[in-house]
Amino acid sequence: MAEFDQRRMHANAQVRAGQVRTAEVDEGLRAHMLRVYNYMSAALAITGVVAYAAAASGIYYSIAQTPLIWVVMLAPLGLVFFLSARIHKMSAAAAQTTFWVYSALMGLSLSYVFLAYTGESVVTTFFITAAAFGSLSLYGYTTKRDLSGMGSFMMMGLFGIIIASVVNIFLGSSALHFAISVIGVLVFAGLTAWDTQDIKNMYFEGDQADTGTKKAVMGALRLYLDFINMFLFMLQFFGNRE
């Protein structure tokens, strides 16, 4: 009888230890995801401020009259590839700095939004995008369903959008442009949920602080791109041109 009680006490102790460990992992995961969202939100704020300032001051218009506009448009893309390829060799501070520089360059390249659309429609579209993004990201974080299959399908859709957009540069078809916008919203909606789940799954409680920070930066970059692209596609529907 005494031996049975000891075994039961030992089993109970293991259960309690497992519960404590699970609670610690959950707390660490929540802190990690909060850091990802904070980085993403800060990057969006930088982008918005730079975009508005460059449009209001006339800086973007001046640049648009020169060949420098190609540098402004292509620099963010180049920096994304650079950050993705080199982040493992960077320090956490360098990765963060690169991300902030990228968000500022993205703001400069998106200044045309404030020149092409009314301020009211830009703000309205932003909040619609924020509501949709928040719901989709919450779904990706809480769902028990494996979204990896959907993520692969959405990536195929993304490549299809890129190819169709290039083709439409030469065709100039309004119908194709509308179709691209609709599919674009759907693709980045799916990517938001998948990226959130993938960022959550990449969390490891044993990561060193430097590694954890770089994972947060890359996670923030992925969600930032989902948000920006969803916003731009939604602007095709909700934006009123000047």
Protein backbone atom coordinates (compact mmCIF):
# COMPACT_ATOMS: atom_id res chain seq x y z
CA MET A 1 0.00 0.00 0.00
CA ALA A 2 2.81 2.36 0.90
CA GLU A 3 4.55 1.54 -2.37
CA PHE A 4 1.34 2.32 -4.29
CA ASP A 5 1.03 5.69 -2.53
CA GLN A 6 4.61 6.53 -3.39
CA ARG A 7 4.03 5.74 -7.04
CA ARG A 8 0.89 7.86 -7.06
CA MET A 9 2.74 10.77 -5.42
CA HIS A 10 5.54 10.44 -7.95
CA ALA A 11 3.05 10.44 -10.83
CA ASN A 12 1.28 13.49 -9.43
CA ALA A 13 4.61 15.28 -9.08
CA GLN A 14 5.42 14.54 -12.73
CA VAL A 15 2.02 15.86 -13.82
CA ARG A 16 2.52 19.07 -11.83
CA ALA A 17 6.02 19.49 -13.27
CA GLY A 18 4.64 19.04 -16.76
CA GLN A 19 1.94 21.62 -16.11
CA VAL A 20 4.51 24.12 -14.85
CA ARG A 21 6.69 23.51 -17.89
CA THR A 22 3.72 23.96 -20.25
CA ALA A 23 2.79 27.20 -18.52
CA GLU A 24 6.36 28.47 -18.88
CA VAL A 25 6.37 27.60 -22.61
CA ASP A 26 3.00 29.32 -23.13
CA GLU A 27 4.22 32.43 -21.34
CA GLY A 28 7.41 32.50 -23.40
CA LEU A 29 5.45 32.00 -26.62
CA ARG A 30 3.09 34.85 -25.78
CA ALA A 31 6.05 37.12 -25.05
CA HIS A 32 7.66 36.11 -28.37
CA MET A 33 4.50 36.76 -30.40
CA LEU A 34 3.98 40.08 -28.63
CA ARG A 35 7.49 41.11 -29.64
CA VAL A 36 6.77 40.10 -33.24
CA TYR A 37 3.60 42.21 -33.31
CA ASN A 38 5.35 45.14 -31.63
CA TYR A 39 8.15 45.10 -34.22
CA MET A 40 5.62 44.87 -37.02
CA SER A 41 3.52 47.73 -35.62
CA ALA A 42 6.60 49.93 -35.19
CA ALA A 43 7.63 49.23 -38.79
CA LEU A 44 4.15 50.12 -40.05
CA ALA A 45 4.28 53.38 -38.06
CA ILE A 46 7.67 54.26 -39.58
CA THR A 47 6.37 53.45 -43.06
CA GLY A 48 3.26 55.58 -42.59
CA VAL A 49 5.12 58.59 -41.20
CA VAL A 50 7.79 58.53 -43.93
CA ALA A 51 5.20 58.03 -46.69
CA TYR A 52 3.06 60.93 -45.52
CA ALA A 53 6.03 63.26 -44.89
CA ALA A 54 7.58 62.53 -48.30
CA ALA A 55 4.26 63.13 -50.05
CA ALA A 56 3.34 66.28 -48.11
CA SER A 57 6.77 67.86 -48.46
CA GLY A 58 7.02 67.20 -52.20
CA ILE A 59 10.15 65.05 -51.80
CA TYR A 60 8.55 62.06 -53.50
CA TYR A 61 7.26 64.17 -56.39
CA SER A 62 10.75 65.61 -56.93
CA ILE A 63 12.34 62.15 -56.89
CA ALA A 64 9.67 60.81 -59.25
CA GLN A 65 10.87 63.23 -61.93
CA THR A 66 14.34 61.67 -61.93
CA PRO A 67 15.85 58.21 -62.52
CA LEU A 68 16.23 57.94 -58.73
CA ILE A 69 12.63 56.78 -58.60
CA TRP A 70 13.81 53.35 -59.76
CA VAL A 71 16.20 53.18 -56.83
CA VAL A 72 13.40 54.17 -54.46
CA MET A 73 11.07 51.51 -55.89
CA LEU A 74 13.60 48.66 -56.03
CA ALA A 75 15.64 49.34 -52.87
CA PRO A 76 13.05 47.81 -50.47
CA LEU A 77 12.94 44.60 -52.52
CA GLY A 78 16.71 44.33 -52.49
CA LEU A 79 16.83 44.93 -48.74
CA VAL A 80 14.27 42.15 -48.13
CA PHE A 81 16.44 39.67 -50.00
CA PHE A 82 19.54 40.92 -48.18
CA LEU A 83 17.92 40.61 -44.75
CA SER A 84 16.49 37.16 -45.48
CA ALA A 85 19.83 35.84 -46.74
CA ARG A 86 22.12 37.44 -44.15
CA ILE A 87 20.12 37.55 -40.93
CA HIS A 88 21.72 34.37 -39.57
CA LYS A 89 25.13 36.06 -39.78
CA MET A 90 23.95 39.39 -38.35
CA SER A 91 23.79 40.45 -34.76
CA ALA A 92 20.32 41.03 -33.33
CA ALA A 93 20.96 44.81 -33.27
CA ALA A 94 22.01 44.82 -36.94
CA ALA A 95 18.93 42.81 -37.92
CA GLN A 96 16.66 45.26 -36.12
CA THR A 97 18.38 48.28 -37.67
CA THR A 98 18.09 46.78 -41.15
CA PHE A 99 14.39 46.17 -40.56
CA TRP A 100 13.80 49.78 -39.51
CA VAL A 101 15.74 51.07 -42.54
CA TYR A 102 13.70 48.78 -44.77
CA SER A 103 10.41 50.08 -43.34
CA ALA A 104 11.54 53.67 -43.95
CA LEU A 105 12.52 52.92 -47.55
CA MET A 106 9.18 51.18 -48.03
CA GLY A 107 7.48 54.33 -46.73
CA LEU A 108 9.31 56.45 -49.28
CA SER A 109 8.34 54.10 -52.12
CA LEU A 110 4.68 54.14 -50.99
CA SER A 111 4.40 57.92 -50.82
CA TYR A 112 2.46 57.85 -54.08
CA VAL A 113 -0.50 56.42 -52.13
CA PHE A 114 -1.07 59.81 -50.45
CA LEU A 115 -0.82 61.55 -53.82
CA ALA A 116 -3.05 59.16 -55.77
CA TYR A 117 -5.82 58.59 -53.19
CA THR A 118 -7.78 60.81 -50.83
CA GLY A 119 -6.58 60.83 -47.23
CA GLU A 120 -9.96 59.67 -45.96
CA SER A 121 -10.02 56.60 -48.19
CA VAL A 122 -6.43 55.72 -47.22
CA VAL A 123 -7.31 55.85 -43.52
CA THR A 124 -10.53 53.89 -44.05
CA THR A 125 -8.75 51.19 -46.04
CA PHE A 126 -6.02 50.99 -43.40
CA PHE A 127 -8.52 50.26 -40.64
CA ILE A 128 -10.39 47.73 -42.78
CA THR A 129 -7.08 46.00 -43.48
CA ALA A 130 -6.13 46.12 -39.79
CA ALA A 131 -9.43 44.49 -38.78
CA ALA A 132 -9.09 41.75 -41.41
CA PHE A 133 -5.42 41.18 -40.60
CA GLY A 134 -6.09 40.95 -36.86
CA SER A 135 -8.85 38.38 -37.34
CA LEU A 136 -6.81 36.25 -39.72
CA SER A 137 -3.69 36.37 -37.56
CA LEU A 138 -5.72 35.41 -34.49
CA TYR A 139 -7.12 32.46 -36.42
CA GLY A 140 -3.62 31.36 -37.43
CA TYR A 141 -2.45 31.60 -33.82
CA THR A 142 -5.34 29.72 -32.22
CA THR A 143 -6.36 27.10 -34.78
CA LYS A 144 -5.34 23.48 -34.26
CA ARG A 145 -5.53 22.83 -37.99
CA ASP A 146 -2.25 22.48 -39.85
CA LEU A 147 -2.13 25.34 -42.36
CA SER A 148 1.10 24.31 -44.09
CA GLY A 149 -0.81 22.90 -47.08
CA MET A 150 -2.74 26.13 -47.47
CA GLY A 151 0.49 28.10 -47.15
CA SER A 152 2.07 26.22 -50.05
CA PHE A 153 -1.03 26.82 -52.17
CA MET A 154 -0.98 30.53 -51.33
CA MET A 155 2.68 30.79 -52.31
CA MET A 156 1.79 29.33 -55.71
CA GLY A 157 -0.96 31.94 -55.95
CA LEU A 158 1.56 34.67 -55.11
CA PHE A 159 3.84 33.64 -57.97
CA GLY A 160 0.79 33.60 -60.23
CA ILE A 161 -0.07 37.16 -59.20
CA ILE A 162 3.48 38.33 -59.95
CA ILE A 163 3.43 36.75 -63.41
CA ALA A 164 -0.06 38.09 -64.19
CA SER A 165 0.94 41.59 -63.03
CA VAL A 166 3.97 41.60 -65.33
CA VAL A 167 1.84 40.41 -68.25
CA ASN A 168 -0.78 43.08 -67.55
CA ILE A 169 1.85 45.81 -67.80
CA PHE A 170 1.84 45.13 -71.54
CA LEU A 171 -1.86 44.26 -71.89
CA GLY A 172 -3.31 47.05 -69.76
CA SER A 173 -6.47 45.02 -69.16
CA SER A 174 -8.81 46.47 -66.52
CA ALA A 175 -10.56 43.10 -66.13
CA LEU A 176 -7.25 41.35 -65.45
CA HIS A 177 -6.27 44.13 -63.06
CA PHE A 178 -9.50 43.62 -61.12
CA ALA A 179 -8.97 39.84 -61.02
CA ILE A 180 -5.41 40.30 -59.75
CA SER A 181 -6.65 42.59 -56.97
CA VAL A 182 -9.31 40.10 -55.84
CA ILE A 183 -6.91 37.16 -55.89
CA GLY A 184 -4.25 39.30 -54.19
CA VAL A 185 -6.51 40.02 -51.22
CA LEU A 186 -7.36 36.31 -50.88
CA VAL A 187 -3.75 35.19 -51.20
CA PHE A 188 -2.41 37.56 -48.56
CA ALA A 189 -5.34 36.79 -46.29
CA GLY A 190 -4.32 33.13 -46.41
CA LEU A 191 -0.64 33.97 -46.01
CA THR A 192 -1.42 36.03 -42.89
CA ALA A 193 -2.97 33.02 -41.15
CA TRP A 194 -0.25 30.64 -42.33
CA ASP A 195 2.65 32.94 -41.48
CA THR A 196 1.27 33.49 -37.99
CA GLN A 197 1.04 29.76 -37.36
CA ASP A 198 4.51 29.17 -38.82
CA ILE A 199 6.03 31.93 -36.66
CA LYS A 200 4.36 30.36 -33.63
CA ASN A 201 5.71 26.90 -34.52
CA MET A 202 9.24 28.26 -34.97
CA TYR A 203 9.35 29.44 -31.37
CA PHE A 204 11.74 27.44 -29.17
CA GLU A 205 12.04 28.18 -25.48
CA GLY A 206 15.69 27.17 -25.47
CA ASP A 207 16.75 29.84 -27.98
CA GLN A 208 19.36 32.34 -26.85
CA ALA A 209 18.28 35.97 -26.61
CA ASP A 210 20.08 36.91 -29.85
CA THR A 211 18.43 34.08 -31.79
CA GLY A 212 15.02 34.87 -30.32
CA THR A 213 15.32 38.50 -31.38
CA LYS A 214 16.28 37.61 -34.95
CA LYS A 215 13.36 35.18 -35.16
CA ALA A 216 11.06 37.97 -33.97
CA VAL A 217 12.46 40.34 -36.62
CA MET A 218 11.92 37.82 -39.41
CA GLY A 219 8.44 37.05 -38.13
CA ALA A 220 7.62 40.75 -38.02
CA LEU A 221 8.93 41.16 -41.58
CA ARG A 222 6.68 38.38 -42.87
CA LEU A 223 3.57 39.78 -41.22
CA TYR A 224 4.52 43.32 -42.26
CA LEU A 225 4.67 42.25 -45.90
CA ASP A 226 1.32 40.46 -45.59
CA PHE A 227 -0.27 43.60 -44.14
CA ILE A 228 1.22 46.03 -46.66
CA ASN A 229 0.27 43.91 -49.66
CA MET A 230 -3.24 43.26 -48.37
CA PHE A 231 -3.62 47.01 -47.81
CA LEU A 232 -2.46 47.87 -51.34
CA PHE A 233 -4.81 45.35 -52.95
CA MET A 234 -7.74 46.51 -50.81
CA LEU A 235 -6.96 50.07 -51.81
CA GLN A 236 -8.00 49.09 -55.33
CA PHE A 237 -11.54 48.59 -54.01
CA PHE A 238 -11.93 51.11 -51.20
CA GLY A 239 -9.58 53.87 -52.33
CA ASN A 240 -10.96 57.05 -53.92
CA ARG A 241 -8.50 58.61 -56.34
CA GLU A 242 -7.61 62.28 -56.12
